[in-house]
PDB file of all heavy atoms in Angstrom:
ATOM      1  N   SER A   1       0.832  -1.182  -0.006  1.00  0.00           N
ATOM      2  CA  SER A   1       0.000  -0.004  -0.004  1.00  0.00           C
ATOM      3  C   SER A   1       0.878   1.233  -0.001  1.00  0.00           C
ATOM      4  O   SER A   1       2.082   1.164   0.276  1.00  0.00           O
ATOM      5  CB  SER A   1      -0.952   0.017   1.214  1.00  0.00           C
ATOM      6  OG  SER A   1      -0.214   0.045   2.428  1.00  0.00           O
ATOM      7  N   GLY A   2       0.264   2.378  -0.278  1.00  0.00           N
ATOM      8  CA  GLY A   2       0.984   3.659  -0.199  1.00  0.00           C
ATOM      9  C   GLY A   2       1.336   4.297  -1.511  1.00  0.00           C
ATOM     10  O   GLY A   2       1.789   5.446  -1.523  1.00  0.00           O
ATOM     11  N   GLY A   3       1.142   3.597  -2.623  1.00  0.00           N
ATOM     12  CA  GLY A   3       1.433   4.203  -3.912  1.00  0.00           C
ATOM     13  C   GLY A   3       0.394   5.230  -4.289  1.00  0.00           C
ATOM     14  O   GLY A   3      -0.643   5.368  -3.660  1.00  0.00           O
ATOM     15  N   GLY A   4       0.718   5.965  -5.355  1.00  0.00           N
ATOM     16  CA  GLY A   4      -0.209   6.980  -5.831  1.00  0.00           C
ATOM     17  C   GLY A   4       0.495   8.018  -6.652  1.00  0.00           C
ATOM     18  O   GLY A   4       1.636   7.835  -7.086  1.00  0.00           O
ATOM     19  N   LEU A   5      -0.187   9.131  -6.862  1.00  0.00           N
ATOM     20  CA  LEU A   5       0.321  10.254  -7.637  1.00  0.00           C
ATOM     21  C   LEU A   5       0.908  11.298  -6.710  1.00  0.00           C
ATOM     22  O   LEU A   5       0.266  11.692  -5.728  1.00  0.00           O
ATOM     23  CB  LEU A   5      -0.796  10.868  -8.473  1.00  0.00           C
ATOM     24  CG  LEU A   5      -0.465  12.125  -9.260  1.00  0.00           C
ATOM     25  CD1 LEU A   5       0.558  11.825 -10.337  1.00  0.00           C
ATOM     26  CD2 LEU A   5      -1.712  12.713  -9.880  1.00  0.00           C
ATOM     27  N   VAL A   6       2.113  11.730  -7.012  1.00  0.00           N
ATOM     28  CA  VAL A   6       2.790  12.728  -6.195  1.00  0.00           C
ATOM     29  C   VAL A   6       3.546  13.688  -7.111  1.00  0.00           C
ATOM     30  O   VAL A   6       3.998  13.306  -8.194  1.00  0.00           O
ATOM     31  CB  VAL A   6       3.757  12.056  -5.187  1.00  0.00           C
ATOM     32  CG1 VAL A   6       4.861  11.316  -5.898  1.00  0.00           C
ATOM     33  CG2 VAL A   6       4.290  13.059  -4.189  1.00  0.00           C
ATOM     34  N   GLN A   7       3.670  14.934  -6.696  1.00  0.00           N
ATOM     35  CA  GLN A   7       4.420  15.935  -7.476  1.00  0.00           C
ATOM     36  C   GLN A   7       5.921  15.738  -7.306  1.00  0.00           C
ATOM     37  O   GLN A   7       6.384  15.212  -6.279  1.00  0.00           O
ATOM     38  CB  GLN A   7       4.015  17.330  -7.028  1.00  0.00           C
ATOM     39  CG  GLN A   7       2.603  17.726  -7.328  1.00  0.00           C
ATOM     40  CD  GLN A   7       2.288  19.144  -6.948  1.00  0.00           C
ATOM     41  OE1 GLN A   7       2.816  19.651  -5.961  1.00  0.00           O
ATOM     42  NE2 GLN A   7       1.433  19.811  -7.713  1.00  0.00           N
ATOM     43  N   PRO A   8       6.698  16.154  -8.296  1.00  0.00           N
ATOM     44  CA  PRO A   8       8.131  16.129  -8.130  1.00  0.00           C
ATOM     45  C   PRO A   8       8.566  16.863  -6.874  1.00  0.00           C
ATOM     46  O   PRO A   8       8.053  17.942  -6.553  1.00  0.00           O
ATOM     47  CB  PRO A   8       8.654  16.825  -9.380  1.00  0.00           C
ATOM     48  CG  PRO A   8       7.592  16.582 -10.399  1.00  0.00           C
ATOM     49  CD  PRO A   8       6.294  16.644  -9.641  1.00  0.00           C
ATOM     50  N   GLY A   9       9.513  16.280  -6.161  1.00  0.00           N
ATOM     51  CA  GLY A   9       9.948  16.820  -4.887  1.00  0.00           C
ATOM     52  C   GLY A   9       9.145  16.354  -3.700  1.00  0.00           C
ATOM     53  O   GLY A   9       9.561  16.618  -2.557  1.00  0.00           O
ATOM     54  N   GLY A  10       8.057  15.679  -3.934  1.00  0.00           N
ATOM     55  CA  GLY A  10       7.218  15.197  -2.875  1.00  0.00           C
ATOM     56  C   GLY A  10       7.686  13.884  -2.275  1.00  0.00           C
ATOM     57  O   GLY A  10       8.746  13.375  -2.665  1.00  0.00           O
ATOM     58  N   SER A  11       6.891  13.353  -1.379  1.00  0.00           N
ATOM     59  CA  SER A  11       7.252  12.137  -0.659  1.00  0.00           C
ATOM     60  C   SER A  11       6.091  11.170  -0.600  1.00  0.00           C
ATOM     61  O   SER A  11       4.935  11.563  -0.651  1.00  0.00           O
ATOM     62  CB  SER A  11       7.665  12.473   0.798  1.00  0.00           C
ATOM     63  OG  SER A  11       8.794  13.317   0.833  1.00  0.00           O
ATOM     64  N   LEU A  12       6.450   9.905  -0.518  1.00  0.00           N
ATOM     65  CA  LEU A  12       5.491   8.835  -0.291  1.00  0.00           C
ATOM     66  C   LEU A  12       6.161   7.801   0.599  1.00  0.00           C
ATOM     67  O   LEU A  12       7.386   7.660   0.602  1.00  0.00           O
ATOM     68  CB  LEU A  12       5.089   8.144  -1.595  1.00  0.00           C
ATOM     69  CG  LEU A  12       4.125   8.858  -2.541  1.00  0.00           C
ATOM     70  CD1 LEU A  12       4.003   8.047  -3.831  1.00  0.00           C
ATOM     71  CD2 LEU A  12       2.766   9.049  -1.902  1.00  0.00           C
ATOM     72  N   ARG A  13       5.339   7.071   1.333  1.00  0.00           N
ATOM     73  CA  ARG A  13       5.829   5.929   2.088  1.00  0.00           C
ATOM     74  C   ARG A  13       5.056   4.693   1.682  1.00  0.00           C
ATOM     75  O   ARG A  13       3.836   4.645   1.816  1.00  0.00           O
ATOM     76  CB  ARG A  13       5.713   6.142   3.601  1.00  0.00           C
ATOM     77  CG  ARG A  13       6.410   5.031   4.396  1.00  0.00           C
ATOM     78  CD  ARG A  13       6.399   5.241   5.888  1.00  0.00           C
ATOM     79  NE  ARG A  13       5.112   4.926   6.492  1.00  0.00           N
ATOM     80  CZ  ARG A  13       4.948   4.573   7.758  1.00  0.00           C
ATOM     81  NH1 ARG A  13       5.987   4.519   8.568  1.00  0.00           N
ATOM     82  NH2 ARG A  13       3.749   4.310   8.208  1.00  0.00           N
ATOM     83  N   LEU A  14       5.773   3.717   1.192  1.00  0.00           N
ATOM     84  CA  LEU A  14       5.169   2.441   0.827  1.00  0.00           C
ATOM     85  C   LEU A  14       5.276   1.469   1.978  1.00  0.00           C
ATOM     86  O   LEU A  14       6.269   1.464   2.712  1.00  0.00           O
ATOM     87  CB  LEU A  14       5.907   1.846  -0.389  1.00  0.00           C
ATOM     88  CG  LEU A  14       6.025   2.711  -1.641  1.00  0.00           C
ATOM     89  CD1 LEU A  14       6.697   1.935  -2.760  1.00  0.00           C
ATOM     90  CD2 LEU A  14       4.677   3.240  -2.083  1.00  0.00           C
ATOM     91  N   SER A  15       4.248   0.657   2.110  1.00  0.00           N
ATOM     92  CA  SER A  15       4.213  -0.363   3.158  1.00  0.00           C
ATOM     93  C   SER A  15       3.988  -1.721   2.512  1.00  0.00           C
ATOM     94  O   SER A  15       3.290  -1.837   1.502  1.00  0.00           O
ATOM     95  CB  SER A  15       3.100  -0.106   4.175  1.00  0.00           C
ATOM     96  OG  SER A  15       3.308   1.128   4.835  1.00  0.00           O
ATOM     97  N   CYS A  16       4.552  -2.732   3.109  1.00  0.00           N
ATOM     98  CA  CYS A  16       4.380  -4.104   2.665  1.00  0.00           C
ATOM     99  C   CYS A  16       4.200  -4.966   3.890  1.00  0.00           C
ATOM    100  O   CYS A  16       5.140  -5.153   4.669  1.00  0.00           O
ATOM    101  CB  CYS A  16       5.586  -4.556   1.846  1.00  0.00           C
ATOM    102  SG  CYS A  16       5.569  -6.295   1.368  1.00  0.00           S
ATOM    103  N   ALA A  17       2.981  -5.478   4.065  1.00  0.00           N
ATOM    104  CA  ALA A  17       2.654  -6.229   5.264  1.00  0.00           C
ATOM    105  C   ALA A  17       2.379  -7.683   4.918  1.00  0.00           C
ATOM    106  O   ALA A  17       1.598  -7.977   3.996  1.00  0.00           O
ATOM    107  CB  ALA A  17       1.429  -5.635   5.956  1.00  0.00           C
ATOM    108  N   ALA A  18       2.991  -8.566   5.632  1.00  0.00           N
ATOM    109  CA  ALA A  18       2.743 -10.015   5.454  1.00  0.00           C
ATOM    110  C   ALA A  18       1.471 -10.440   6.128  1.00  0.00           C
ATOM    111  O   ALA A  18       1.108  -9.936   7.195  1.00  0.00           O
ATOM    112  CB  ALA A  18       3.923 -10.827   5.989  1.00  0.00           C
ATOM    113  N   SER A  19       0.771 -11.347   5.501  1.00  0.00           N
ATOM    114  CA  SER A  19      -0.493 -11.831   6.042  1.00  0.00           C
ATOM    115  C   SER A  19      -0.315 -12.675   7.285  1.00  0.00           C
ATOM    116  O   SER A  19      -1.288 -12.896   8.016  1.00  0.00           O
ATOM    117  CB  SER A  19      -1.256 -12.621   4.973  1.00  0.00           C
ATOM    118  OG  SER A  19      -0.498 -13.754   4.570  1.00  0.00           O
ATOM    119  N   GLU A  20       0.868 -13.154   7.519  1.00  0.00           N
ATOM    120  CA  GLU A  20       1.176 -13.940   8.685  1.00  0.00           C
ATOM    121  C   GLU A  20       2.648 -13.837   8.967  1.00  0.00           C
ATOM    122  O   GLU A  20       3.411 -13.326   8.116  1.00  0.00           O
ATOM    123  CB  GLU A  20       0.775 -15.403   8.491  1.00  0.00           C
ATOM    124  CG  GLU A  20       1.447 -16.074   7.313  1.00  0.00           C
ATOM    125  CD  GLU A  20       0.877 -17.425   6.975  1.00  0.00           C
ATOM    126  OE1 GLU A  20      -0.122 -17.489   6.234  1.00  0.00           O
ATOM    127  OE2 GLU A  20       1.428 -18.436   7.484  1.00  0.00           O
ATOM    128  N   SER A  21       3.067 -14.284  10.098  1.00  0.00           N
ATOM    129  CA  SER A  21       4.477 -14.239  10.436  1.00  0.00           C
ATOM    130  C   SER A  21       5.306 -15.061   9.447  1.00  0.00           C
ATOM    131  O   SER A  21       4.885 -16.157   9.030  1.00  0.00           O
ATOM    132  CB  SER A  21       4.707 -14.767  11.854  1.00  0.00           C
ATOM    133  OG  SER A  21       4.070 -13.938  12.807  1.00  0.00           O
ATOM    134  N   ILE A  22       6.417 -14.523   9.086  1.00  0.00           N
ATOM    135  CA  ILE A  22       7.340 -15.205   8.187  1.00  0.00           C
ATOM    136  C   ILE A  22       8.587 -15.575   8.973  1.00  0.00           C
ATOM    137  O   ILE A  22       9.195 -14.724   9.615  1.00  0.00           O
ATOM    138  CB  ILE A  22       7.714 -14.327   6.974  1.00  0.00           C
ATOM    139  CG1 ILE A  22       6.450 -13.914   6.206  1.00  0.00           C
ATOM    140  CG2 ILE A  22       8.688 -15.074   6.066  1.00  0.00           C
ATOM    141  CD1 ILE A  22       6.704 -12.979   5.055  1.00  0.00           C
ATOM    142  N   PHE A  23       8.939 -16.823   8.871  1.00  0.00           N
ATOM    143  CA  PHE A  23      10.079 -17.329   9.612  1.00  0.00           C
ATOM    144  C   PHE A  23      11.262 -17.517   8.691  1.00  0.00           C
ATOM    145  O   PHE A  23      11.130 -17.687   7.476  1.00  0.00           O
ATOM    146  CB  PHE A  23       9.731 -18.645  10.316  1.00  0.00           C
ATOM    147  CG  PHE A  23       8.632 -18.522  11.321  1.00  0.00           C
ATOM    148  CD1 PHE A  23       7.331 -18.904  10.997  1.00  0.00           C
ATOM    149  CD2 PHE A  23       8.890 -18.034  12.595  1.00  0.00           C
ATOM    150  CE1 PHE A  23       6.319 -18.784  11.933  1.00  0.00           C
ATOM    151  CE2 PHE A  23       7.894 -17.924  13.544  1.00  0.00           C
ATOM    152  CZ  PHE A  23       6.591 -18.292  13.202  1.00  0.00           C
ATOM    153  N   ARG A  24      12.445 -17.488   9.286  1.00  0.00           N
ATOM    154  CA  ARG A  24      13.691 -17.700   8.577  1.00  0.00           C
ATOM    155  C   ARG A  24      13.894 -16.716   7.427  1.00  0.00           C
ATOM    156  O   ARG A  24      14.271 -17.068   6.329  1.00  0.00           O
ATOM    157  CB  ARG A  24      13.774 -19.139   8.063  1.00  0.00           C
ATOM    158  CG  ARG A  24      13.681 -20.190   9.158  1.00  0.00           C
ATOM    159  CD  ARG A  24      13.799 -21.608   8.591  1.00  0.00           C
ATOM    160  NE  ARG A  24      13.716 -22.592   9.657  1.00  0.00           N
ATOM    161  CZ  ARG A  24      12.591 -23.174  10.076  1.00  0.00           C
ATOM    162  NH1 ARG A  24      11.427 -22.808   9.537  1.00  0.00           N
ATOM    163  NH2 ARG A  24      12.615 -24.073  11.024  1.00  0.00           N
ATOM    164  N   VAL A  25      13.624 -15.454   7.733  1.00  0.00           N
ATOM    165  CA  VAL A  25      13.800 -14.393   6.744  1.00  0.00           C
ATOM    166  C   VAL A  25      15.295 -14.132   6.515  1.00  0.00           C
ATOM    167  O   VAL A  25      16.064 -14.004   7.459  1.00  0.00           O
ATOM    168  CB  VAL A  25      13.106 -13.090   7.199  1.00  0.00           C
ATOM    169  CG1 VAL A  25      13.458 -11.963   6.269  1.00  0.00           C
ATOM    170  CG2 VAL A  25      11.607 -13.287   7.262  1.00  0.00           C
ATOM    171  N   LEU A  26      15.653 -14.068   5.255  1.00  0.00           N
ATOM    172  CA  LEU A  26      17.033 -13.717   4.864  1.00  0.00           C
ATOM    173  C   LEU A  26      17.127 -12.261   4.476  1.00  0.00           C
ATOM    174  O   LEU A  26      18.041 -11.551   4.952  1.00  0.00           O
ATOM    175  CB  LEU A  26      17.481 -14.605   3.707  1.00  0.00           C
ATOM    176  CG  LEU A  26      17.556 -16.110   3.998  1.00  0.00           C
ATOM    177  CD1 LEU A  26      17.864 -16.860   2.709  1.00  0.00           C
ATOM    178  CD2 LEU A  26      18.591 -16.404   5.063  1.00  0.00           C
ATOM    179  N   ASN A  27      16.247 -11.798   3.620  1.00  0.00           N
ATOM    180  CA  ASN A  27      16.291 -10.430   3.133  1.00  0.00           C
ATOM    181  C   ASN A  27      14.866  -9.920   2.929  1.00  0.00           C
ATOM    182  O   ASN A  27      13.929 -10.680   2.648  1.00  0.00           O
ATOM    183  CB  ASN A  27      16.996 -10.337   1.764  1.00  0.00           C
ATOM    184  CG  ASN A  27      18.321 -11.042   1.743  1.00  0.00           C
ATOM    185  OD1 ASN A  27      19.274 -10.628   2.435  1.00  0.00           O
ATOM    186  ND2 ASN A  27      18.418 -12.105   0.966  1.00  0.00           N
ATOM    187  N   MET A  28      14.724  -8.619   3.075  1.00  0.00           N
ATOM    188  CA  MET A  28      13.497  -7.926   2.721  1.00  0.00           C
ATOM    189  C   MET A  28      13.893  -6.743   1.838  1.00  0.00           C
ATOM    190  O   MET A  28      14.854  -6.036   2.152  1.00  0.00           O
ATOM    191  CB  MET A  28      12.753  -7.435   3.950  1.00  0.00           C
ATOM    192  CG  MET A  28      12.483  -8.518   4.978  1.00  0.00           C
ATOM    193  SD  MET A  28      11.642  -7.935   6.469  1.00  0.00           S
ATOM    194  CE  MET A  28       9.973  -7.756   5.842  1.00  0.00           C
ATOM    195  N   GLY A  29      13.173  -6.576   0.745  1.00  0.00           N
ATOM    196  CA  GLY A  29      13.596  -5.529  -0.180  1.00  0.00           C
ATOM    197  C   GLY A  29      12.476  -4.959  -1.017  1.00  0.00           C
ATOM    198  O   GLY A  29      11.349  -5.465  -1.023  1.00  0.00           O
ATOM    199  N   TRP A  30      12.814  -3.905  -1.740  1.00  0.00           N
ATOM    200  CA  TRP A  30      11.929  -3.259  -2.680  1.00  0.00           C
ATOM    201  C   TRP A  30      12.572  -3.237  -4.057  1.00  0.00           C
ATOM    202  O   TRP A  30      13.772  -2.941  -4.184  1.00  0.00           O
ATOM    203  CB  TRP A  30      11.624  -1.823  -2.247  1.00  0.00           C
ATOM    204  CG  TRP A  30      10.752  -1.749  -1.010  1.00  0.00           C
ATOM    205  CD1 TRP A  30      11.154  -1.645   0.269  1.00  0.00           C
ATOM    206  CD2 TRP A  30       9.316  -1.747  -0.978  1.00  0.00           C
ATOM    207  NE1 TRP A  30      10.068  -1.595   1.110  1.00  0.00           N
ATOM    208  CE2 TRP A  30       8.931  -1.649   0.365  1.00  0.00           C
ATOM    209  CE3 TRP A  30       8.338  -1.824  -1.975  1.00  0.00           C
ATOM    210  CZ2 TRP A  30       7.585  -1.624   0.755  1.00  0.00           C
ATOM    211  CZ3 TRP A  30       7.009  -1.797  -1.576  1.00  0.00           C
ATOM    212  CH2 TRP A  30       6.639  -1.710  -0.238  1.00  0.00           C
ATOM    213  N   TYR A  31      11.766  -3.535  -5.050  1.00  0.00           N
ATOM    214  CA  TYR A  31      12.174  -3.504  -6.437  1.00  0.00           C
ATOM    215  C   TYR A  31      11.183  -2.659  -7.214  1.00  0.00           C
ATOM    216  O   TYR A  31      10.070  -2.414  -6.754  1.00  0.00           O
ATOM    217  CB  TYR A  31      12.222  -4.917  -7.023  1.00  0.00           C
ATOM    218  CG  TYR A  31      13.237  -5.822  -6.347  1.00  0.00           C
ATOM    219  CD1 TYR A  31      13.012  -6.349  -5.080  1.00  0.00           C
ATOM    220  CD2 TYR A  31      14.433  -6.152  -6.995  1.00  0.00           C
ATOM    221  CE1 TYR A  31      13.939  -7.169  -4.458  1.00  0.00           C
ATOM    222  CE2 TYR A  31      15.359  -6.961  -6.396  1.00  0.00           C
ATOM    223  CZ  TYR A  31      15.123  -7.467  -5.131  1.00  0.00           C
ATOM    224  OH  TYR A  31      16.054  -8.286  -4.535  1.00  0.00           O
ATOM    225  N   ARG A  32      11.577  -2.216  -8.388  1.00  0.00           N
ATOM    226  CA  ARG A  32      10.647  -1.477  -9.234  1.00  0.00           C
ATOM    227  C   ARG A  32      10.842  -1.867 -10.675  1.00  0.00           C
ATOM    228  O   ARG A  32      11.889  -2.350 -11.092  1.00  0.00           O
ATOM    229  CB  ARG A  32      10.833   0.034  -9.034  1.00  0.00           C
ATOM    230  CG  ARG A  32      12.157   0.576  -9.553  1.00  0.00           C
ATOM    231  CD  ARG A  32      12.288   2.043  -9.152  1.00  0.00           C
ATOM    232  NE  ARG A  32      13.572   2.594  -9.582  1.00  0.00           N
ATOM    233  CZ  ARG A  32      14.075   3.727  -9.156  1.00  0.00           C
ATOM    234  NH1 ARG A  32      13.392   4.483  -8.283  1.00  0.00           N
ATOM    235  NH2 ARG A  32      15.247   4.155  -9.593  1.00  0.00           N
ATOM    236  N   GLN A  33       9.789  -1.602 -11.441  1.00  0.00           N
ATOM    237  CA  GLN A  33       9.818  -1.986 -12.851  1.00  0.00           C
ATOM    238  C   GLN A  33       8.993  -1.021 -13.669  1.00  0.00           C
ATOM    239  O   GLN A  33       7.902  -0.620 -13.258  1.00  0.00           O
ATOM    240  CB  GLN A  33       9.279  -3.402 -13.045  1.00  0.00           C
ATOM    241  CG  GLN A  33       9.466  -3.979 -14.431  1.00  0.00           C
ATOM    242  CD  GLN A  33       9.205  -5.478 -14.460  1.00  0.00           C
ATOM    243  OE1 GLN A  33       8.428  -5.991 -13.683  1.00  0.00           O
ATOM    244  NE2 GLN A  33       9.856  -6.149 -15.389  1.00  0.00           N
ATOM    245  N   VAL A  34       9.538  -0.636 -14.819  1.00  0.00           N
ATOM    246  CA  VAL A  34       8.808   0.173 -15.792  1.00  0.00           C
ATOM    247  C   VAL A  34       8.699  -0.640 -17.074  1.00  0.00           C
ATOM    248  O   VAL A  34       9.506  -1.557 -17.327  1.00  0.00           O
ATOM    249  CB  VAL A  34       9.525   1.509 -16.056  1.00  0.00           C
ATOM    250  CG1 VAL A  34       9.576   2.345 -14.761  1.00  0.00           C
ATOM    251  CG2 VAL A  34      10.915   1.311 -16.620  1.00  0.00           C
ATOM    252  N   PRO A  35       7.721  -0.340 -17.931  1.00  0.00           N
ATOM    253  CA  PRO A  35       7.580  -1.105 -19.161  1.00  0.00           C
ATOM    254  C   PRO A  35       8.830  -1.114 -19.998  1.00  0.00           C
ATOM    255  O   PRO A  35       9.495  -0.087 -20.196  1.00  0.00           O
ATOM    256  CB  PRO A  35       6.430  -0.363 -19.891  1.00  0.00           C
ATOM    257  CG  PRO A  35       5.653   0.256 -18.788  1.00  0.00           C
ATOM    258  CD  PRO A  35       6.649   0.669 -17.765  1.00  0.00           C
ATOM    259  N   GLY A  36       9.203  -2.304 -20.475  1.00  0.00           N
ATOM    260  CA  GLY A  36      10.366  -2.460 -21.330  1.00  0.00           C
ATOM    261  C   GLY A  36      11.675  -2.529 -20.589  1.00  0.00           C
ATOM    262  O   GLY A  36      12.729  -2.634 -21.227  1.00  0.00           O
ATOM    263  N   LYS A  37      11.643  -2.482 -19.291  1.00  0.00           N
ATOM    264  CA  LYS A  37      12.856  -2.530 -18.481  1.00  0.00           C
ATOM    265  C   LYS A  37      12.836  -3.730 -17.532  1.00  0.00           C
ATOM    266  O   LYS A  37      11.777  -4.227 -17.190  1.00  0.00           O
ATOM    267  CB  LYS A  37      13.024  -1.257 -17.651  1.00  0.00           C
ATOM    268  CG  LYS A  37      13.055   0.037 -18.444  1.00  0.00           C
ATOM    269  CD  LYS A  37      14.383   0.200 -19.159  1.00  0.00           C
ATOM    270  CE  LYS A  37      14.454   1.586 -19.805  1.00  0.00           C
ATOM    271  NZ  LYS A  37      15.753   1.785 -20.488  1.00  0.00           N
ATOM    272  N   GLN A  38      14.017  -4.148 -17.168  1.00  0.00           N
ATOM    273  CA  GLN A  38      14.125  -5.197 -16.154  1.00  0.00           C
ATOM    274  C   GLN A  38      13.743  -4.663 -14.782  1.00  0.00           C
ATOM    275  O   GLN A  38      13.921  -3.490 -14.484  1.00  0.00           O
ATOM    276  CB  GLN A  38      15.549  -5.753 -16.083  1.00  0.00           C
ATOM    277  CG  GLN A  38      15.999  -6.570 -17.270  1.00  0.00           C
ATOM    278  CD  GLN A  38      17.338  -7.222 -17.046  1.00  0.00           C
ATOM    279  OE1 GLN A  38      18.216  -6.647 -16.410  1.00  0.00           O
ATOM    280  NE2 GLN A  38      17.529  -8.426 -17.580  1.00  0.00           N
ATOM    281  N   ARG A  39      13.207  -5.546 -13.967  1.00  0.00           N
ATOM    282  CA  ARG A  39      12.946  -5.196 -12.586  1.00  0.00           C
ATOM    283  C   ARG A  39      14.290  -4.918 -11.909  1.00  0.00           C
ATOM    284  O   ARG A  39      15.244  -5.707 -12.054  1.00  0.00           O
ATOM    285  CB  ARG A  39      12.177  -6.299 -11.899  1.00  0.00           C
ATOM    286  CG  ARG A  39      11.650  -5.938 -10.534  1.00  0.00           C
ATOM    287  CD  ARG A  39      10.693  -7.023  -9.991  1.00  0.00           C
ATOM    288  NE  ARG A  39       9.513  -7.143 -10.828  1.00  0.00           N
ATOM    289  CZ  ARG A  39       8.487  -7.952 -10.537  1.00  0.00           C
ATOM    290  NH1 ARG A  39       8.496  -8.655  -9.433  1.00  0.00           N
ATOM    291  NH2 ARG A  39       7.451  -8.004 -11.360  1.00  0.00           N
ATOM    292  N   GLU A  40      14.382  -3.838 -11.177  1.00  0.00           N
ATOM    293  CA  GLU A  40      15.637  -3.459 -10.559  1.00  0.00           C
ATOM    294  C   GLU A  40      15.500  -3.279  -9.068  1.00  0.00           C
ATOM    295  O   GLU A  40      14.428  -2.921  -8.542  1.00  0.00           O
ATOM    296  CB  GLU A  40      16.175  -2.159 -11.189  1.00  0.00           C
ATOM    297  CG  GLU A  40      15.334  -0.934 -10.922  1.00  0.00           C
ATOM    298  CD  GLU A  40      15.956   0.331 -11.466  1.00  0.00           C
ATOM    299  OE1 GLU A  40      17.065   0.290 -12.044  1.00  0.00           O
ATOM    300  OE2 GLU A  40      15.323   1.419 -11.326  1.00  0.00           O
ATOM    301  N   LEU A  41      16.599  -3.499  -8.378  1.00  0.00           N
ATOM    302  CA  LEU A  41      16.630  -3.345  -6.950  1.00  0.00           C
ATOM    303  C   LEU A  41      16.595  -1.870  -6.575  1.00  0.00           C
ATOM    304  O   LEU A  41      17.344  -1.053  -7.112  1.00  0.00           O
ATOM    305  CB  LEU A  41      17.906  -3.967  -6.378  1.00  0.00           C
ATOM    306  CG  LEU A  41      18.152  -3.792  -4.895  1.00  0.00           C
ATOM    307  CD1 LEU A  41      17.134  -4.578  -4.066  1.00  0.00           C
ATOM    308  CD2 LEU A  41      19.583  -4.204  -4.520  1.00  0.00           C
ATOM    309  N   VAL A  42      15.743  -1.542  -5.625  1.00  0.00           N
ATOM    310  CA  VAL A  42      15.675  -0.216  -5.062  1.00  0.00           C
ATOM    311  C   VAL A  42      16.391  -0.164  -3.719  1.00  0.00           C
ATOM    312  O   VAL A  42      17.218   0.689  -3.484  1.00  0.00           O
ATOM    313  CB  VAL A  42      14.230   0.264  -4.892  1.00  0.00           C
ATOM    314  CG1 VAL A  42      14.180   1.620  -4.210  1.00  0.00           C
ATOM    315  CG2 VAL A  42      13.515   0.311  -6.240  1.00  0.00           C
ATOM    316  N   ALA A  43      16.062  -1.102  -2.847  1.00  0.00           N
ATOM    317  CA  ALA A  43      16.655  -1.159  -1.511  1.00  0.00           C
ATOM    318  C   ALA A  43      16.461  -2.544  -0.947  1.00  0.00           C
ATOM    319  O   ALA A  43      15.472  -3.207  -1.226  1.00  0.00           O
ATOM    320  CB  ALA A  43      16.032  -0.106  -0.589  1.00  0.00           C
ATOM    321  N   ILE A  44      17.391  -2.967  -0.117  1.00  0.00           N
ATOM    322  CA  ILE A  44      17.311  -4.265   0.513  1.00  0.00           C
ATOM    323  C   ILE A  44      17.920  -4.191   1.903  1.00  0.00           C
ATOM    324  O   ILE A  44      18.887  -3.453   2.130  1.00  0.00           O
ATOM    325  CB  ILE A  44      18.011  -5.351  -0.337  1.00  0.00           C
ATOM    326  CG1 ILE A  44      17.745  -6.740   0.225  1.00  0.00           C
ATOM    327  CG2 ILE A  44      19.489  -5.075  -0.453  1.00  0.00           C
ATOM    328  CD1 ILE A  44      18.162  -7.862  -0.736  1.00  0.00           C
ATOM    329  N   ILE A  45      17.338  -4.907   2.804  1.00  0.00           N
ATOM    330  CA  ILE A  45      17.885  -5.036   4.151  1.00  0.00           C
ATOM    331  C   ILE A  45      18.026  -6.514   4.465  1.00  0.00           C
ATOM    332  O   ILE A  45      17.072  -7.283   4.307  1.00  0.00           O
ATOM    333  CB  ILE A  45      17.024  -4.312   5.198  1.00  0.00           C
ATOM    334  CG1 ILE A  45      17.633  -4.428   6.596  1.00  0.00           C
ATOM    335  CG2 ILE A  45      15.590  -4.776   5.196  1.00  0.00           C
ATOM    336  CD1 ILE A  45      17.034  -3.478   7.619  1.00  0.00           C
TER     337      ILE A  45
END
């Protein structure tokens, strides 16, 4: 959740909530994709 339309210079906060507890997590991250491009890493923890 949290996506939408924003003006240049503005801010948004995206959230990603799991439906249940996830065990043995290695990484959590965000990726993005535009048409005709490969999905790319934005951030990972």
